[in-house]
């Protein structure tokens, strides 16, 4: 039987890290629930929290995500579409293309631009005068042209484009909790690749 008088072991710092880990998991391509489970395991291991969490501790962590759950669930769905074989029609050129061929747009229903990347880049090139090349990142959250490449390990791959990393399994099966170690290896390799590319400029 649970001891309801147990001291709440969840600190503000843990709450911040818990949310950060969930966001990282969603960006890596895991579902919101998978990301939440991995975040909880991370907190328990890092801060050596033994036994089941109390009602108040679960409520503390749950309250942390109250205002972010819906947006992260939508983001998880968007990342899933990005790495799936799903398609949509570009309203500019009229061609049916994979979701990976569209930039993200939080204001649209499916989370992607109406025009495909090719059409948007053509319009941007016409409107921008010839200048010196832009830096690799203007802002980590700003959509800019950057390097695009992919790296893989075991049955996992990561595609790096527009400053974002999209993870998926090579056999196109859904990501599972067991893929997190390979995802971390891929993130490290991708950062090494970015570093080598920037040194070459």
N, C-alpha and C. Protein backbone atom coordinates (compact mmCIF):
# COMPACT_ATOMS: atom_id res chain seq x y z
N UNK A 1 0.85 -1.21 0.00
CA UNK A 1 0.00 0.00 0.00
C UNK A 1 0.88 1.25 0.00
N UNK A 2 0.48 2.22 -0.79
CA UNK A 2 1.31 3.43 -0.95
C UNK A 2 1.28 4.30 0.30
N UNK A 3 2.44 4.82 0.61
CA UNK A 3 2.54 5.73 1.75
C UNK A 3 2.25 7.14 1.26
N UNK A 4 1.03 7.65 1.55
CA UNK A 4 0.64 8.96 1.04
C UNK A 4 1.35 10.10 1.75
N UNK A 5 2.04 9.78 2.87
CA UNK A 5 2.73 10.83 3.62
C UNK A 5 4.16 11.02 3.15
N UNK A 6 4.56 10.27 2.12
CA UNK A 6 5.94 10.36 1.64
C UNK A 6 6.23 11.77 1.11
N UNK A 7 7.44 12.22 1.34
CA UNK A 7 7.84 13.56 0.89
C UNK A 7 7.90 13.59 -0.63
N UNK A 8 7.45 14.67 -1.22
CA UNK A 8 7.50 14.83 -2.67
C UNK A 8 8.95 15.04 -3.10
N UNK A 9 9.48 14.08 -3.85
CA UNK A 9 10.90 14.12 -4.24
C UNK A 9 11.13 14.85 -5.57
N UNK A 10 10.07 15.29 -6.21
CA UNK A 10 10.19 15.95 -7.51
C UNK A 10 10.50 17.43 -7.32
N UNK A 11 11.67 17.86 -7.75
CA UNK A 11 12.07 19.26 -7.63
C UNK A 11 11.76 20.03 -8.91
N UNK A 12 11.86 21.36 -8.84
CA UNK A 12 11.64 22.19 -10.02
C UNK A 12 12.63 21.84 -11.12
N UNK A 13 13.86 21.54 -10.73
CA UNK A 13 14.87 21.19 -11.73
C UNK A 13 14.49 19.90 -12.46
N UNK A 14 13.98 18.93 -11.71
CA UNK A 14 13.54 17.67 -12.32
C UNK A 14 12.41 17.92 -13.31
N UNK A 15 11.49 18.81 -12.95
CA UNK A 15 10.35 19.12 -13.82
C UNK A 15 10.84 19.71 -15.14
N UNK A 16 11.81 20.61 -15.07
CA UNK A 16 12.35 21.23 -16.29
C UNK A 16 13.02 20.16 -17.16
N UNK A 17 13.81 19.28 -16.55
CA UNK A 17 14.48 18.23 -17.30
C UNK A 17 13.48 17.23 -17.86
N UNK A 18 12.44 16.95 -17.11
CA UNK A 18 11.39 16.02 -17.56
C UNK A 18 10.74 16.54 -18.84
N UNK A 19 10.38 17.81 -18.81
CA UNK A 19 9.76 18.41 -20.01
C UNK A 19 10.74 18.42 -21.18
N UNK A 20 11.98 18.77 -20.91
CA UNK A 20 12.99 18.83 -21.95
C UNK A 20 13.21 17.47 -22.61
N UNK A 21 13.23 16.42 -21.80
CA UNK A 21 13.43 15.06 -22.32
C UNK A 21 12.23 14.63 -23.17
N UNK A 22 11.03 15.00 -22.77
CA UNK A 22 9.85 14.65 -23.57
C UNK A 22 9.91 15.36 -24.92
N UNK A 23 10.27 16.64 -24.90
CA UNK A 23 10.37 17.39 -26.15
C UNK A 23 11.43 16.78 -27.07
N UNK A 24 12.56 16.37 -26.50
CA UNK A 24 13.64 15.76 -27.29
C UNK A 24 13.17 14.44 -27.90
N UNK A 25 12.42 13.66 -27.13
CA UNK A 25 11.92 12.39 -27.63
C UNK A 25 10.95 12.57 -28.79
N UNK A 26 10.07 13.57 -28.66
CA UNK A 26 9.11 13.86 -29.72
C UNK A 26 9.84 14.30 -30.98
N UNK A 27 10.83 15.18 -30.83
CA UNK A 27 11.60 15.64 -31.98
C UNK A 27 12.36 14.50 -32.64
N UNK A 28 12.74 13.50 -31.84
CA UNK A 28 13.49 12.36 -32.37
C UNK A 28 12.59 11.40 -33.14
N UNK A 29 11.26 11.57 -33.02
CA UNK A 29 10.35 10.74 -33.78
C UNK A 29 9.54 9.76 -32.95
N UNK A 30 9.68 9.81 -31.63
CA UNK A 30 8.90 8.93 -30.77
C UNK A 30 7.55 9.57 -30.46
N UNK A 31 6.56 8.75 -30.11
CA UNK A 31 5.24 9.28 -29.75
C UNK A 31 5.35 10.03 -28.44
N UNK A 32 4.30 10.80 -28.13
CA UNK A 32 4.29 11.55 -26.87
C UNK A 32 4.37 10.60 -25.68
N UNK A 33 3.60 9.50 -25.71
CA UNK A 33 3.59 8.55 -24.60
C UNK A 33 4.95 7.86 -24.45
N UNK A 34 5.58 7.48 -25.57
CA UNK A 34 6.91 6.86 -25.52
C UNK A 34 7.92 7.85 -24.94
N UNK A 35 7.84 9.10 -25.39
CA UNK A 35 8.76 10.13 -24.90
C UNK A 35 8.57 10.37 -23.41
N UNK A 36 7.32 10.37 -22.96
CA UNK A 36 7.02 10.57 -21.54
C UNK A 36 7.59 9.44 -20.70
N UNK A 37 7.46 8.20 -21.20
CA UNK A 37 7.98 7.04 -20.48
C UNK A 37 9.50 7.10 -20.38
N UNK A 38 10.15 7.46 -21.50
CA UNK A 38 11.62 7.55 -21.49
C UNK A 38 12.09 8.69 -20.59
N UNK A 39 11.34 9.80 -20.58
CA UNK A 39 11.71 10.94 -19.73
C UNK A 39 11.62 10.56 -18.26
N UNK A 40 10.59 9.81 -17.90
CA UNK A 40 10.43 9.38 -16.52
C UNK A 40 11.56 8.44 -16.11
N UNK A 41 11.92 7.51 -17.00
CA UNK A 41 13.05 6.60 -16.71
C UNK A 41 14.33 7.39 -16.52
N UNK A 42 14.52 8.42 -17.36
CA UNK A 42 15.71 9.26 -17.27
C UNK A 42 15.80 9.95 -15.91
N UNK A 43 14.68 10.55 -15.47
CA UNK A 43 14.64 11.25 -14.19
C UNK A 43 14.88 10.29 -13.03
N UNK A 44 14.24 9.13 -13.07
CA UNK A 44 14.38 8.16 -11.99
C UNK A 44 15.83 7.68 -11.86
N UNK A 45 16.47 7.42 -13.01
CA UNK A 45 17.85 6.93 -12.97
C UNK A 45 18.82 8.04 -12.55
N UNK A 46 18.65 9.23 -13.13
CA UNK A 46 19.58 10.33 -12.84
C UNK A 46 19.55 10.73 -11.38
N UNK A 47 18.34 10.78 -10.80
CA UNK A 47 18.21 11.24 -9.42
C UNK A 47 18.00 10.09 -8.43
N UNK A 48 18.21 8.85 -8.93
CA UNK A 48 18.15 7.65 -8.08
C UNK A 48 16.87 7.60 -7.25
N UNK A 49 15.75 7.75 -7.92
CA UNK A 49 14.45 7.67 -7.26
C UNK A 49 13.99 6.22 -7.27
N UNK A 50 13.93 5.61 -6.11
CA UNK A 50 13.55 4.20 -5.99
C UNK A 50 12.06 4.07 -5.68
N UNK A 51 11.51 2.91 -6.04
CA UNK A 51 10.12 2.64 -5.72
C UNK A 51 9.16 3.41 -6.60
N UNK A 52 7.87 3.16 -6.39
CA UNK A 52 6.84 3.85 -7.17
C UNK A 52 6.73 5.31 -6.74
N UNK A 53 6.35 6.14 -7.69
CA UNK A 53 6.12 7.55 -7.36
C UNK A 53 4.81 7.67 -6.59
N UNK A 54 4.75 8.60 -5.68
CA UNK A 54 3.52 8.83 -4.92
C UNK A 54 2.50 9.55 -5.80
N UNK A 55 1.29 9.64 -5.30
CA UNK A 55 0.23 10.36 -6.03
C UNK A 55 0.63 11.80 -6.26
N UNK A 56 1.19 12.44 -5.23
CA UNK A 56 1.58 13.85 -5.35
C UNK A 56 2.75 14.02 -6.32
N UNK A 57 3.67 13.05 -6.36
CA UNK A 57 4.81 13.13 -7.28
C UNK A 57 4.33 12.97 -8.72
N UNK A 58 3.42 12.01 -8.96
CA UNK A 58 2.86 11.86 -10.31
C UNK A 58 2.09 13.11 -10.72
N UNK A 59 1.38 13.70 -9.77
CA UNK A 59 0.63 14.92 -10.06
C UNK A 59 1.56 16.08 -10.39
N UNK A 60 2.69 16.14 -9.70
CA UNK A 60 3.67 17.20 -9.95
C UNK A 60 4.21 17.10 -11.38
N UNK A 61 4.58 15.89 -11.79
CA UNK A 61 5.09 15.71 -13.16
C UNK A 61 3.99 15.92 -14.18
N UNK A 62 2.79 15.44 -13.89
CA UNK A 62 1.67 15.62 -14.80
C UNK A 62 1.33 17.09 -14.99
N UNK A 63 1.40 17.85 -13.90
CA UNK A 63 1.13 19.28 -13.99
C UNK A 63 2.15 20.01 -14.84
N UNK A 64 3.38 19.48 -14.85
CA UNK A 64 4.45 20.09 -15.66
C UNK A 64 4.06 20.13 -17.13
N UNK A 65 3.39 19.07 -17.62
CA UNK A 65 3.09 18.95 -19.04
C UNK A 65 1.68 19.40 -19.40
N UNK A 66 0.90 19.87 -18.42
CA UNK A 66 -0.49 20.22 -18.66
C UNK A 66 -0.68 21.16 -19.84
N UNK A 67 0.17 22.17 -19.93
CA UNK A 67 0.01 23.19 -20.97
C UNK A 67 0.75 22.85 -22.26
N UNK A 68 1.53 21.76 -22.26
CA UNK A 68 2.35 21.45 -23.43
C UNK A 68 1.94 20.15 -24.12
N UNK A 69 1.09 19.35 -23.46
CA UNK A 69 0.75 18.02 -23.99
C UNK A 69 0.17 18.09 -25.40
N UNK A 70 -0.83 18.94 -25.63
CA UNK A 70 -1.49 18.98 -26.94
C UNK A 70 -0.53 19.39 -28.05
N UNK A 71 0.28 20.41 -27.78
CA UNK A 71 1.21 20.88 -28.82
C UNK A 71 2.27 19.82 -29.12
N UNK A 72 2.71 19.09 -28.09
CA UNK A 72 3.71 18.05 -28.31
C UNK A 72 3.11 16.83 -29.01
N UNK A 73 1.86 16.52 -28.72
CA UNK A 73 1.20 15.42 -29.43
C UNK A 73 1.06 15.76 -30.91
N UNK A 74 0.74 17.03 -31.20
CA UNK A 74 0.65 17.47 -32.60
C UNK A 74 2.02 17.42 -33.27
N UNK A 75 3.04 17.83 -32.53
CA UNK A 75 4.40 17.79 -33.07
C UNK A 75 4.81 16.35 -33.36
N UNK A 76 4.47 15.42 -32.46
CA UNK A 76 4.81 14.01 -32.65
C UNK A 76 4.13 13.47 -33.91
N UNK A 77 2.87 13.88 -34.11
CA UNK A 77 2.14 13.45 -35.31
C UNK A 77 2.79 14.02 -36.56
N UNK A 78 3.23 15.27 -36.47
CA UNK A 78 3.87 15.92 -37.61
C UNK A 78 5.19 15.24 -37.96
N UNK A 79 6.00 14.92 -36.95
CA UNK A 79 7.27 14.24 -37.18
C UNK A 79 7.02 12.86 -37.79
N UNK A 80 5.97 12.18 -37.29
CA UNK A 80 5.61 10.88 -37.83
C UNK A 80 5.25 10.97 -39.31
N UNK A 81 4.48 12.01 -39.68
CA UNK A 81 4.13 12.22 -41.08
C UNK A 81 5.36 12.53 -41.91
N UNK A 82 6.27 13.29 -41.32
CA UNK A 82 7.49 13.70 -42.02
C UNK A 82 8.31 12.49 -42.44
N UNK A 83 8.34 11.47 -41.59
CA UNK A 83 9.16 10.30 -41.86
C UNK A 83 8.36 9.14 -42.45
N UNK A 84 7.07 9.38 -42.70
CA UNK A 84 6.23 8.31 -43.27
C UNK A 84 6.21 8.42 -44.79
N UNK A 85 5.45 7.53 -45.41
CA UNK A 85 5.31 7.56 -46.86
C UNK A 85 4.08 8.36 -47.27
N UNK A 86 3.48 9.09 -46.30
CA UNK A 86 2.30 9.89 -46.60
C UNK A 86 2.59 11.01 -47.58
N UNK A 87 1.57 11.45 -48.29
CA UNK A 87 1.76 12.48 -49.31
C UNK A 87 0.71 13.58 -49.17
N UNK A 88 1.01 14.72 -49.78
CA UNK A 88 0.04 15.80 -49.90
C UNK A 88 0.32 16.52 -51.22
N UNK A 89 -0.63 17.32 -51.67
CA UNK A 89 -0.50 18.00 -52.96
C UNK A 89 -0.05 19.43 -52.74
N UNK A 90 0.99 19.83 -53.44
CA UNK A 90 1.48 21.22 -53.38
C UNK A 90 0.48 22.10 -54.12
N UNK A 91 -0.01 23.16 -53.46
CA UNK A 91 -1.00 24.04 -54.08
C UNK A 91 -0.38 24.98 -55.12
N UNK A 92 0.95 24.99 -55.22
CA UNK A 92 1.63 25.82 -56.21
C UNK A 92 1.84 25.08 -57.53
N UNK A 93 2.51 23.91 -57.46
CA UNK A 93 2.82 23.16 -58.67
C UNK A 93 1.79 22.06 -58.96
N UNK A 94 0.97 21.74 -57.97
CA UNK A 94 -0.07 20.74 -58.17
C UNK A 94 0.40 19.30 -58.10
N UNK A 95 1.68 19.07 -57.75
CA UNK A 95 2.21 17.72 -57.70
C UNK A 95 2.02 17.09 -56.33
N UNK A 96 1.77 15.78 -56.31
CA UNK A 96 1.65 15.05 -55.06
C UNK A 96 3.05 14.65 -54.60
N UNK A 97 3.42 15.04 -53.38
CA UNK A 97 4.77 14.78 -52.88
C UNK A 97 4.72 14.27 -51.44
N UNK A 98 5.81 13.61 -51.02
CA UNK A 98 5.91 13.15 -49.63
C UNK A 98 5.94 14.35 -48.69
N UNK A 99 5.52 14.14 -47.45
CA UNK A 99 5.55 15.21 -46.46
C UNK A 99 6.97 15.74 -46.25
N UNK A 100 7.96 14.90 -46.49
CA UNK A 100 9.35 15.34 -46.31
C UNK A 100 9.72 16.42 -47.31
N UNK A 101 8.89 16.62 -48.34
CA UNK A 101 9.16 17.64 -49.35
C UNK A 101 8.52 18.99 -49.02
N UNK A 102 7.99 19.11 -47.78
CA UNK A 102 7.35 20.36 -47.35
C UNK A 102 7.98 20.85 -46.06
N UNK A 103 8.15 22.17 -45.94
CA UNK A 103 8.64 22.75 -44.70
C UNK A 103 7.52 22.71 -43.65
N UNK A 104 7.91 22.77 -42.39
CA UNK A 104 6.93 22.81 -41.30
C UNK A 104 6.25 24.17 -41.24
N UNK A 105 4.99 24.17 -40.81
CA UNK A 105 4.24 25.41 -40.62
C UNK A 105 3.21 25.17 -39.53
N UNK A 106 3.41 25.74 -38.35
CA UNK A 106 2.54 25.50 -37.20
C UNK A 106 1.12 26.01 -37.40
N UNK A 107 0.91 26.92 -38.35
CA UNK A 107 -0.40 27.53 -38.51
C UNK A 107 -1.35 26.72 -39.40
N UNK A 108 -0.85 25.71 -40.12
CA UNK A 108 -1.71 24.92 -40.99
C UNK A 108 -2.25 23.70 -40.25
N UNK A 109 -3.31 23.12 -40.80
CA UNK A 109 -3.98 21.99 -40.13
C UNK A 109 -3.06 20.79 -39.97
N UNK A 110 -2.29 20.45 -41.02
CA UNK A 110 -1.43 19.27 -40.94
C UNK A 110 -0.02 19.60 -40.47
N UNK A 111 0.26 20.90 -40.21
CA UNK A 111 1.57 21.28 -39.70
C UNK A 111 2.64 21.49 -40.75
N UNK A 112 2.23 21.55 -42.04
CA UNK A 112 3.20 21.73 -43.12
C UNK A 112 2.74 22.86 -44.06
N UNK A 113 3.73 23.45 -44.78
CA UNK A 113 3.42 24.51 -45.73
C UNK A 113 2.50 24.00 -46.84
N UNK A 114 1.77 24.92 -47.48
CA UNK A 114 0.91 24.57 -48.61
C UNK A 114 1.76 24.30 -49.85
N UNK A 115 2.85 25.06 -50.00
CA UNK A 115 3.74 24.88 -51.15
C UNK A 115 4.89 23.96 -50.77
N UNK A 116 5.38 23.17 -51.72
CA UNK A 116 6.51 22.28 -51.48
C UNK A 116 7.80 23.09 -51.38
N UNK A 117 8.85 22.45 -50.93
CA UNK A 117 10.14 23.13 -50.76
C UNK A 117 10.65 23.69 -52.08
N UNK A 118 10.52 22.91 -53.16
CA UNK A 118 11.03 23.36 -54.46
C UNK A 118 10.35 24.66 -54.89
N UNK A 119 9.03 24.71 -54.76
CA UNK A 119 8.30 25.91 -55.17
C UNK A 119 8.66 27.11 -54.30
N UNK A 120 8.78 26.88 -53.01
CA UNK A 120 9.12 27.98 -52.10
C UNK A 120 10.53 28.50 -52.36
N UNK A 121 11.46 27.58 -52.64
CA UNK A 121 12.84 28.00 -52.90
C UNK A 121 12.94 28.79 -54.20
N UNK A 122 12.16 28.40 -55.20
CA UNK A 122 12.18 29.13 -56.47
C UNK A 122 11.70 30.55 -56.27
N UNK A 123 10.64 30.73 -55.48
CA UNK A 123 10.10 32.06 -55.21
C UNK A 123 11.10 32.89 -54.41
N UNK A 124 11.74 32.25 -53.41
CA UNK A 124 12.70 32.96 -52.57
C UNK A 124 13.91 33.41 -53.38
N UNK A 125 14.38 32.56 -54.30
CA UNK A 125 15.55 32.91 -55.11
C UNK A 125 15.26 34.12 -56.01
N UNK A 126 14.03 34.22 -56.48
CA UNK A 126 13.67 35.35 -57.33
C UNK A 126 13.60 36.65 -56.55
N UNK A 127 13.22 36.56 -55.28
CA UNK A 127 13.01 37.77 -54.48
C UNK A 127 14.25 38.23 -53.72
N UNK A 128 15.28 37.38 -53.67
CA UNK A 128 16.48 37.73 -52.91
C UNK A 128 17.61 38.09 -53.87
N UNK A 129 18.21 39.23 -53.65
CA UNK A 129 19.34 39.65 -54.49
C UNK A 129 20.56 38.81 -54.16
N UNK A 130 21.49 38.72 -55.12
CA UNK A 130 22.69 37.92 -54.91
C UNK A 130 23.53 38.54 -53.80
N UNK A 131 23.79 37.78 -52.77
CA UNK A 131 24.58 38.23 -51.64
C UNK A 131 25.57 37.13 -51.27
N UNK A 132 26.37 37.41 -50.26
CA UNK A 132 27.27 36.37 -49.77
C UNK A 132 26.43 35.27 -49.15
N UNK A 133 26.94 34.04 -49.16
CA UNK A 133 26.16 32.91 -48.62
C UNK A 133 25.75 33.14 -47.18
N UNK A 134 24.54 32.66 -46.84
CA UNK A 134 24.07 32.79 -45.46
C UNK A 134 24.82 31.82 -44.57
N UNK A 135 24.85 32.13 -43.28
CA UNK A 135 25.51 31.25 -42.33
C UNK A 135 24.71 29.96 -42.19
N UNK A 136 25.31 28.95 -41.62
CA UNK A 136 24.64 27.66 -41.48
C UNK A 136 23.35 27.81 -40.69
N UNK A 137 23.40 28.58 -39.61
CA UNK A 137 22.19 28.81 -38.81
C UNK A 137 22.02 30.30 -38.58
N UNK A 138 20.86 30.84 -38.97
CA UNK A 138 20.52 32.20 -38.57
C UNK A 138 19.98 32.16 -37.15
N UNK A 139 19.11 31.20 -36.93
CA UNK A 139 18.50 31.00 -35.63
C UNK A 139 18.11 29.53 -35.56
N UNK A 140 18.30 28.91 -34.42
CA UNK A 140 18.03 27.48 -34.34
C UNK A 140 16.57 27.17 -34.64
N UNK A 141 15.66 28.14 -34.46
CA UNK A 141 14.25 27.89 -34.71
C UNK A 141 13.78 28.47 -36.04
N UNK A 142 14.69 29.12 -36.78
CA UNK A 142 14.29 29.75 -38.03
C UNK A 142 14.54 28.82 -39.20
N UNK A 143 13.59 28.75 -40.12
CA UNK A 143 13.74 27.86 -41.27
C UNK A 143 14.64 28.52 -42.31
N UNK A 144 15.81 27.97 -42.51
CA UNK A 144 16.76 28.48 -43.49
C UNK A 144 17.34 27.30 -44.23
N UNK A 145 17.88 27.57 -45.43
CA UNK A 145 18.53 26.50 -46.18
C UNK A 145 19.80 26.09 -45.47
N UNK A 146 19.98 24.80 -45.24
CA UNK A 146 21.19 24.29 -44.60
C UNK A 146 21.60 23.02 -45.31
N UNK A 147 22.58 22.34 -44.77
CA UNK A 147 22.99 21.07 -45.32
C UNK A 147 21.89 20.03 -45.15
N UNK A 148 21.81 19.09 -46.07
CA UNK A 148 20.90 17.96 -45.95
C UNK A 148 21.71 16.69 -46.15
N UNK A 149 21.61 15.77 -45.19
CA UNK A 149 22.30 14.49 -45.31
C UNK A 149 21.64 13.49 -44.40
N UNK A 150 22.00 12.24 -44.53
CA UNK A 150 21.46 11.21 -43.64
C UNK A 150 22.59 10.29 -43.20
N UNK A 151 22.48 9.78 -42.00
CA UNK A 151 23.42 8.79 -41.47
C UNK A 151 22.58 7.68 -40.84
N UNK A 152 23.15 6.48 -40.75
CA UNK A 152 22.39 5.36 -40.20
C UNK A 152 23.28 4.47 -39.34
N UNK A 153 22.63 3.73 -38.46
CA UNK A 153 23.30 2.75 -37.63
C UNK A 153 22.29 1.65 -37.33
N UNK A 154 22.72 0.39 -37.44
CA UNK A 154 21.82 -0.75 -37.26
C UNK A 154 20.60 -0.56 -38.17
N UNK A 155 19.40 -0.51 -37.58
CA UNK A 155 18.20 -0.34 -38.38
C UNK A 155 17.61 1.06 -38.25
N UNK A 156 18.44 2.01 -37.76
CA UNK A 156 17.98 3.37 -37.54
C UNK A 156 18.68 4.34 -38.48
N UNK A 157 17.97 5.39 -38.88
CA UNK A 157 18.58 6.44 -39.69
C UNK A 157 18.11 7.79 -39.20
N UNK A 158 18.92 8.80 -39.46
CA UNK A 158 18.51 10.16 -39.16
C UNK A 158 18.75 11.00 -40.40
N UNK A 159 17.74 11.78 -40.77
CA UNK A 159 17.87 12.71 -41.89
C UNK A 159 17.98 14.11 -41.30
N UNK A 160 19.03 14.82 -41.67
CA UNK A 160 19.27 16.18 -41.17
C UNK A 160 18.94 17.15 -42.29
N UNK A 161 17.99 18.03 -42.04
CA UNK A 161 17.68 19.06 -43.02
C UNK A 161 17.03 20.25 -42.33
N UNK A 162 17.34 21.42 -42.84
CA UNK A 162 16.77 22.66 -42.32
C UNK A 162 16.97 22.81 -40.82
N UNK A 163 18.13 22.35 -40.33
CA UNK A 163 18.43 22.51 -38.92
C UNK A 163 17.72 21.55 -38.01
N UNK A 164 17.01 20.57 -38.55
CA UNK A 164 16.27 19.60 -37.75
C UNK A 164 16.73 18.19 -38.07
N UNK A 165 16.56 17.29 -37.10
CA UNK A 165 16.89 15.88 -37.31
C UNK A 165 15.62 15.06 -37.22
N UNK A 166 15.41 14.20 -38.20
CA UNK A 166 14.23 13.34 -38.25
C UNK A 166 14.68 11.88 -38.23
N UNK A 167 14.23 11.16 -37.21
CA UNK A 167 14.65 9.79 -37.01
C UNK A 167 13.59 8.81 -37.51
N UNK A 168 14.03 7.68 -38.07
CA UNK A 168 13.10 6.63 -38.48
C UNK A 168 13.88 5.32 -38.59
N UNK A 169 13.13 4.24 -38.64
CA UNK A 169 13.75 2.93 -38.84
C UNK A 169 13.88 2.68 -40.34
N UNK A 170 14.97 2.06 -40.74
CA UNK A 170 15.23 1.83 -42.16
C UNK A 170 14.15 0.95 -42.79
N UNK A 171 13.62 0.00 -42.02
CA UNK A 171 12.56 -0.86 -42.55
C UNK A 171 11.18 -0.22 -42.43
N UNK A 172 11.14 1.07 -42.03
CA UNK A 172 9.91 1.87 -41.96
C UNK A 172 8.89 1.35 -40.94
N UNK A 173 9.34 0.52 -40.00
CA UNK A 173 8.44 0.13 -38.92
C UNK A 173 8.45 1.24 -37.86
N UNK A 174 7.43 1.32 -37.00
CA UNK A 174 7.37 2.40 -36.00
C UNK A 174 8.56 2.37 -35.03
N UNK A 175 8.97 3.53 -34.57
CA UNK A 175 10.03 3.63 -33.57
C UNK A 175 9.54 3.03 -32.26
N UNK A 176 10.44 2.38 -31.55
CA UNK A 176 10.09 1.79 -30.26
C UNK A 176 11.03 2.32 -29.19
N UNK A 177 10.72 2.01 -27.94
CA UNK A 177 11.55 2.46 -26.83
C UNK A 177 12.97 1.93 -26.94
N UNK A 178 13.13 0.78 -27.58
CA UNK A 178 14.46 0.17 -27.70
C UNK A 178 15.37 0.91 -28.68
N UNK A 179 14.79 1.82 -29.46
CA UNK A 179 15.59 2.53 -30.48
C UNK A 179 16.32 3.76 -29.92
N UNK A 180 16.09 4.09 -28.66
CA UNK A 180 16.63 5.34 -28.12
C UNK A 180 18.16 5.35 -28.12
N UNK A 181 18.79 4.21 -27.82
CA UNK A 181 20.26 4.16 -27.81
C UNK A 181 20.83 4.44 -29.20
N UNK A 182 20.23 3.82 -30.23
CA UNK A 182 20.69 4.06 -31.60
C UNK A 182 20.42 5.50 -32.01
N UNK A 183 19.31 6.07 -31.54
CA UNK A 183 18.99 7.46 -31.86
C UNK A 183 20.04 8.40 -31.29
N UNK A 184 20.50 8.11 -30.07
CA UNK A 184 21.53 8.95 -29.45
C UNK A 184 22.86 8.83 -30.21
N UNK A 185 23.18 7.61 -30.66
CA UNK A 185 24.41 7.42 -31.45
C UNK A 185 24.31 8.21 -32.75
N UNK A 186 23.13 8.17 -33.37
CA UNK A 186 22.94 8.89 -34.63
C UNK A 186 23.04 10.40 -34.44
N UNK A 187 22.49 10.89 -33.33
CA UNK A 187 22.57 12.32 -33.07
C UNK A 187 24.04 12.75 -32.95
N UNK A 188 24.84 11.92 -32.26
CA UNK A 188 26.26 12.23 -32.12
C UNK A 188 26.96 12.23 -33.48
N UNK A 189 26.66 11.22 -34.30
CA UNK A 189 27.28 11.16 -35.64
C UNK A 189 26.85 12.34 -36.51
N UNK A 190 25.58 12.72 -36.40
CA UNK A 190 25.09 13.84 -37.19
C UNK A 190 25.80 15.14 -36.80
N UNK A 191 25.99 15.35 -35.49
CA UNK A 191 26.71 16.55 -35.04
C UNK A 191 28.16 16.53 -35.52
N UNK A 192 28.77 15.36 -35.53
CA UNK A 192 30.14 15.25 -36.05
C UNK A 192 30.18 15.58 -37.54
N UNK A 193 29.15 15.12 -38.27
CA UNK A 193 29.05 15.41 -39.70
C UNK A 193 28.89 16.92 -39.93
N UNK A 194 28.03 17.55 -39.13
CA UNK A 194 27.82 18.99 -39.25
C UNK A 194 29.13 19.74 -38.99
N UNK A 195 29.85 19.29 -37.95
CA UNK A 195 31.12 19.93 -37.60
C UNK A 195 32.11 19.81 -38.75
N UNK A 196 32.16 18.64 -39.40
CA UNK A 196 33.11 18.45 -40.49
C UNK A 196 32.72 19.29 -41.70
N UNK A 197 31.42 19.45 -41.94
CA UNK A 197 30.95 20.27 -43.06
C UNK A 197 31.26 21.75 -42.83
N UNK A 198 31.03 22.22 -41.60
CA UNK A 198 31.28 23.63 -41.32
C UNK A 198 32.78 23.95 -41.35
N UNK A 199 33.61 22.97 -40.94
CA UNK A 199 35.06 23.21 -41.00
C UNK A 199 35.52 23.31 -42.45
N UNK A 200 34.78 22.66 -43.37
CA UNK A 200 35.17 22.67 -44.78
C UNK A 200 34.86 23.96 -45.48
N UNK A 201 34.03 24.83 -44.82
CA UNK A 201 33.65 26.12 -45.46
C UNK A 201 34.75 27.16 -45.30
